[in-house]
Amino acid sequence: TLPMRLECLRYGADLVYCEELIDKKLLDLRRVINPHFGTIDYVSTREKVLVFSTIPEEKEKLVFQLGTADGPTAVRAALAVA
């Protein structure tokens, strides 16, 4: 969804939204700086797949949607991607 969010920002969007990500999935991610694309990637350590990607320029305009059923788990997950 990163290309779509970037295109929306280029066309003047004030805010962009990522897809909803579940808190327990986020706790299994590893943060990787990708110098080839200039992105910050979050990769699943179990499945070895890219789950979320962002760039520094969208930091103040991105609404991160966190799905949860448990407050303490949500806090841990939010801190993992903050």
N, C-alpha and C. Protein backbone atom coordinates (compact mmCIF):
# COMPACT_ATOMS: atom_id res chain seq x y z
N THR A 1 0.80 -1.20 0.00
CA THR A 1 0.00 0.00 0.00
C THR A 1 0.84 1.27 0.00
N LEU A 2 2.15 1.14 0.19
CA LEU A 2 3.01 2.32 0.19
C LEU A 2 2.91 3.12 -1.10
N PRO A 3 2.97 2.50 -2.28
CA PRO A 3 2.86 3.30 -3.50
C PRO A 3 1.55 4.10 -3.58
N MET A 4 0.46 3.52 -3.15
CA MET A 4 -0.82 4.22 -3.17
C MET A 4 -0.81 5.40 -2.20
N ARG A 5 -0.26 5.20 -1.00
CA ARG A 5 -0.20 6.29 -0.03
C ARG A 5 0.67 7.43 -0.56
N LEU A 6 1.79 7.10 -1.18
CA LEU A 6 2.68 8.13 -1.71
C LEU A 6 2.02 8.90 -2.84
N GLU A 7 1.29 8.20 -3.68
CA GLU A 7 0.59 8.87 -4.79
C GLU A 7 -0.48 9.81 -4.24
N CYS A 8 -1.19 9.38 -3.22
CA CYS A 8 -2.19 10.25 -2.60
C CYS A 8 -1.55 11.51 -2.02
N LEU A 9 -0.39 11.36 -1.38
CA LEU A 9 0.30 12.53 -0.84
C LEU A 9 0.75 13.46 -1.96
N ARG A 10 1.23 12.89 -3.06
CA ARG A 10 1.66 13.72 -4.19
C ARG A 10 0.50 14.51 -4.80
N TYR A 11 -0.70 13.96 -4.70
CA TYR A 11 -1.89 14.65 -5.22
C TYR A 11 -2.53 15.55 -4.18
N GLY A 12 -1.88 15.72 -3.03
CA GLY A 12 -2.33 16.71 -2.07
C GLY A 12 -3.09 16.21 -0.85
N ALA A 13 -3.11 14.91 -0.61
CA ALA A 13 -3.82 14.40 0.57
C ALA A 13 -3.15 14.91 1.84
N ASP A 14 -3.95 15.28 2.81
CA ASP A 14 -3.41 15.72 4.10
C ASP A 14 -3.02 14.54 4.97
N LEU A 15 -3.78 13.45 4.87
CA LEU A 15 -3.52 12.23 5.63
C LEU A 15 -3.65 11.02 4.72
N VAL A 16 -2.91 9.97 5.05
CA VAL A 16 -3.05 8.69 4.36
C VAL A 16 -3.16 7.59 5.42
N TYR A 17 -3.84 6.52 5.06
CA TYR A 17 -4.10 5.42 5.99
C TYR A 17 -3.44 4.14 5.48
N CYS A 18 -2.89 3.37 6.40
CA CYS A 18 -2.41 2.05 6.02
C CYS A 18 -3.53 1.05 6.29
N GLU A 19 -3.35 -0.16 5.82
CA GLU A 19 -4.33 -1.20 6.11
C GLU A 19 -4.26 -1.54 7.60
N GLU A 20 -5.34 -2.09 8.15
CA GLU A 20 -5.34 -2.47 9.55
C GLU A 20 -4.39 -3.64 9.76
N LEU A 21 -3.52 -3.50 10.75
CA LEU A 21 -2.60 -4.57 11.11
C LEU A 21 -2.91 -5.02 12.53
N ILE A 22 -2.88 -6.32 12.75
CA ILE A 22 -3.23 -6.90 14.04
C ILE A 22 -2.04 -6.83 15.00
N ASP A 23 -2.32 -6.47 16.24
CA ASP A 23 -1.26 -6.24 17.22
C ASP A 23 -0.32 -7.44 17.40
N LYS A 24 -0.85 -8.63 17.46
CA LYS A 24 0.00 -9.81 17.68
C LYS A 24 0.94 -10.05 16.51
N LYS A 25 0.51 -9.72 15.30
CA LYS A 25 1.37 -9.85 14.13
C LYS A 25 2.54 -8.85 14.22
N LEU A 26 2.24 -7.65 14.71
CA LEU A 26 3.26 -6.62 14.82
C LEU A 26 4.36 -6.99 15.81
N LEU A 27 4.02 -7.75 16.82
CA LEU A 27 5.01 -8.14 17.82
C LEU A 27 6.03 -9.13 17.26
N ASP A 28 5.73 -9.70 16.10
CA ASP A 28 6.61 -10.69 15.46
C ASP A 28 7.46 -10.05 14.35
N LEU A 29 7.43 -8.73 14.23
CA LEU A 29 8.12 -8.09 13.12
C LEU A 29 9.53 -7.63 13.49
N ARG A 30 10.34 -7.56 12.46
CA ARG A 30 11.70 -7.02 12.60
C ARG A 30 11.79 -5.79 11.72
N ARG A 31 12.32 -4.70 12.26
CA ARG A 31 12.47 -3.44 11.52
C ARG A 31 13.75 -3.50 10.70
N VAL A 32 13.63 -3.21 9.40
CA VAL A 32 14.76 -3.27 8.49
C VAL A 32 14.82 -1.97 7.69
N ILE A 33 15.97 -1.33 7.68
CA ILE A 33 16.17 -0.14 6.84
C ILE A 33 16.59 -0.64 5.46
N ASN A 34 15.86 -0.24 4.44
CA ASN A 34 16.15 -0.67 3.08
C ASN A 34 16.80 0.51 2.33
N PRO A 35 18.13 0.50 2.21
CA PRO A 35 18.81 1.63 1.57
C PRO A 35 18.57 1.72 0.07
N HIS A 36 18.20 0.62 -0.56
CA HIS A 36 17.96 0.62 -2.00
C HIS A 36 16.72 1.41 -2.39
N PHE A 37 15.68 1.32 -1.55
CA PHE A 37 14.42 2.02 -1.83
C PHE A 37 14.19 3.21 -0.90
N GLY A 38 15.03 3.36 0.13
CA GLY A 38 14.84 4.44 1.09
C GLY A 38 13.65 4.22 1.99
N THR A 39 13.30 2.97 2.24
CA THR A 39 12.13 2.64 3.05
C THR A 39 12.53 2.05 4.40
N ILE A 40 11.58 2.08 5.30
CA ILE A 40 11.69 1.37 6.58
C ILE A 40 10.69 0.23 6.48
N ASP A 41 11.20 -0.98 6.48
CA ASP A 41 10.36 -2.16 6.27
C ASP A 41 10.20 -2.94 7.57
N TYR A 42 9.04 -3.51 7.74
CA TYR A 42 8.77 -4.38 8.88
C TYR A 42 8.47 -5.77 8.31
N VAL A 43 9.36 -6.71 8.64
CA VAL A 43 9.33 -8.04 8.05
C VAL A 43 8.99 -9.07 9.12
N SER A 44 8.09 -9.99 8.78
CA SER A 44 7.71 -11.07 9.69
C SER A 44 8.90 -12.00 9.91
N THR A 45 9.24 -12.24 11.17
CA THR A 45 10.36 -13.13 11.45
C THR A 45 9.99 -14.60 11.20
N ARG A 46 8.72 -14.92 11.31
CA ARG A 46 8.29 -16.30 11.07
C ARG A 46 8.10 -16.60 9.59
N GLU A 47 7.37 -15.73 8.91
CA GLU A 47 7.00 -15.99 7.51
C GLU A 47 8.00 -15.41 6.51
N LYS A 48 8.91 -14.54 6.98
CA LYS A 48 9.91 -13.90 6.11
C LYS A 48 9.27 -13.11 4.98
N VAL A 49 8.18 -12.41 5.28
CA VAL A 49 7.51 -11.58 4.27
C VAL A 49 7.39 -10.15 4.79
N LEU A 50 7.32 -9.22 3.86
CA LEU A 50 7.14 -7.82 4.20
C LEU A 50 5.69 -7.61 4.64
N VAL A 51 5.50 -7.02 5.81
CA VAL A 51 4.17 -6.78 6.35
C VAL A 51 3.79 -5.31 6.22
N PHE A 52 4.75 -4.42 6.44
CA PHE A 52 4.47 -2.99 6.38
C PHE A 52 5.72 -2.25 5.94
N SER A 53 5.53 -1.22 5.15
CA SER A 53 6.64 -0.42 4.65
C SER A 53 6.25 1.05 4.70
N THR A 54 7.22 1.90 5.03
CA THR A 54 6.97 3.33 5.10
C THR A 54 8.24 4.09 4.71
N ILE A 55 8.10 5.39 4.55
CA ILE A 55 9.26 6.25 4.32
C ILE A 55 9.18 7.40 5.33
N PRO A 56 10.31 8.00 5.66
CA PRO A 56 10.29 9.08 6.67
C PRO A 56 9.37 10.24 6.30
N GLU A 57 9.22 10.55 5.02
CA GLU A 57 8.42 11.69 4.60
C GLU A 57 6.92 11.57 4.94
N GLU A 58 6.42 10.36 5.13
CA GLU A 58 5.00 10.23 5.44
C GLU A 58 4.73 10.12 6.94
N LYS A 59 5.75 10.25 7.75
CA LYS A 59 5.60 10.05 9.19
C LYS A 59 4.51 10.92 9.82
N GLU A 60 4.47 12.19 9.50
CA GLU A 60 3.48 13.10 10.10
C GLU A 60 2.11 13.01 9.45
N LYS A 61 1.98 12.24 8.37
CA LYS A 61 0.71 12.19 7.64
C LYS A 61 0.08 10.80 7.60
N LEU A 62 0.73 9.83 8.20
CA LEU A 62 0.25 8.45 8.15
C LEU A 62 -0.61 8.13 9.37
N VAL A 63 -1.79 7.59 9.12
CA VAL A 63 -2.65 7.08 10.19
C VAL A 63 -2.45 5.57 10.20
N PHE A 64 -1.85 5.08 11.27
CA PHE A 64 -1.56 3.65 11.40
C PHE A 64 -2.75 2.99 12.09
N GLN A 65 -3.39 2.05 11.42
CA GLN A 65 -4.58 1.39 11.95
C GLN A 65 -4.20 0.08 12.64
N LEU A 66 -4.39 0.05 13.94
CA LEU A 66 -4.00 -1.09 14.75
C LEU A 66 -5.24 -1.83 15.23
N GLY A 67 -5.33 -3.10 14.85
CA GLY A 67 -6.43 -3.94 15.31
C GLY A 67 -6.03 -4.67 16.58
N THR A 68 -6.92 -4.68 17.57
CA THR A 68 -6.58 -5.32 18.84
C THR A 68 -7.83 -5.75 19.59
N ALA A 69 -7.63 -6.65 20.52
CA ALA A 69 -8.70 -7.04 21.44
C ALA A 69 -8.20 -6.96 22.88
N ASP A 70 -6.99 -6.40 23.04
CA ASP A 70 -6.35 -6.39 24.35
C ASP A 70 -5.48 -5.14 24.49
N GLY A 71 -5.78 -4.31 25.46
CA GLY A 71 -5.07 -3.05 25.64
C GLY A 71 -3.57 -3.18 25.82
N PRO A 72 -3.08 -4.00 26.75
CA PRO A 72 -1.63 -4.11 26.94
C PRO A 72 -0.88 -4.61 25.70
N THR A 73 -1.48 -5.53 24.97
CA THR A 73 -0.85 -6.02 23.74
C THR A 73 -0.81 -4.91 22.70
N ALA A 74 -1.86 -4.13 22.63
CA ALA A 74 -1.90 -3.01 21.69
C ALA A 74 -0.80 -2.00 21.99
N VAL A 75 -0.57 -1.72 23.26
CA VAL A 75 0.48 -0.77 23.64
C VAL A 75 1.85 -1.30 23.21
N ARG A 76 2.11 -2.57 23.47
CA ARG A 76 3.41 -3.16 23.06
C ARG A 76 3.59 -3.10 21.56
N ALA A 77 2.52 -3.39 20.82
CA ALA A 77 2.58 -3.37 19.36
C ALA A 77 2.81 -1.95 18.84
N ALA A 78 2.11 -0.99 19.42
CA ALA A 78 2.25 0.41 19.00
C ALA A 78 3.68 0.90 19.26
N LEU A 79 4.24 0.53 20.37
CA LEU A 79 5.62 0.93 20.66
C LEU A 79 6.62 0.28 19.72
N ALA A 80 6.28 -0.88 19.21
CA ALA A 80 7.19 -1.58 18.28
C ALA A 80 7.30 -0.87 16.94
N VAL A 81 6.27 -0.15 16.53
CA VAL A 81 6.32 0.53 15.24
C VAL A 81 6.40 2.05 15.37
N ALA A 82 6.46 2.54 16.59
CA ALA A 82 6.51 4.01 16.81
C ALA A 82 7.85 4.57 16.41
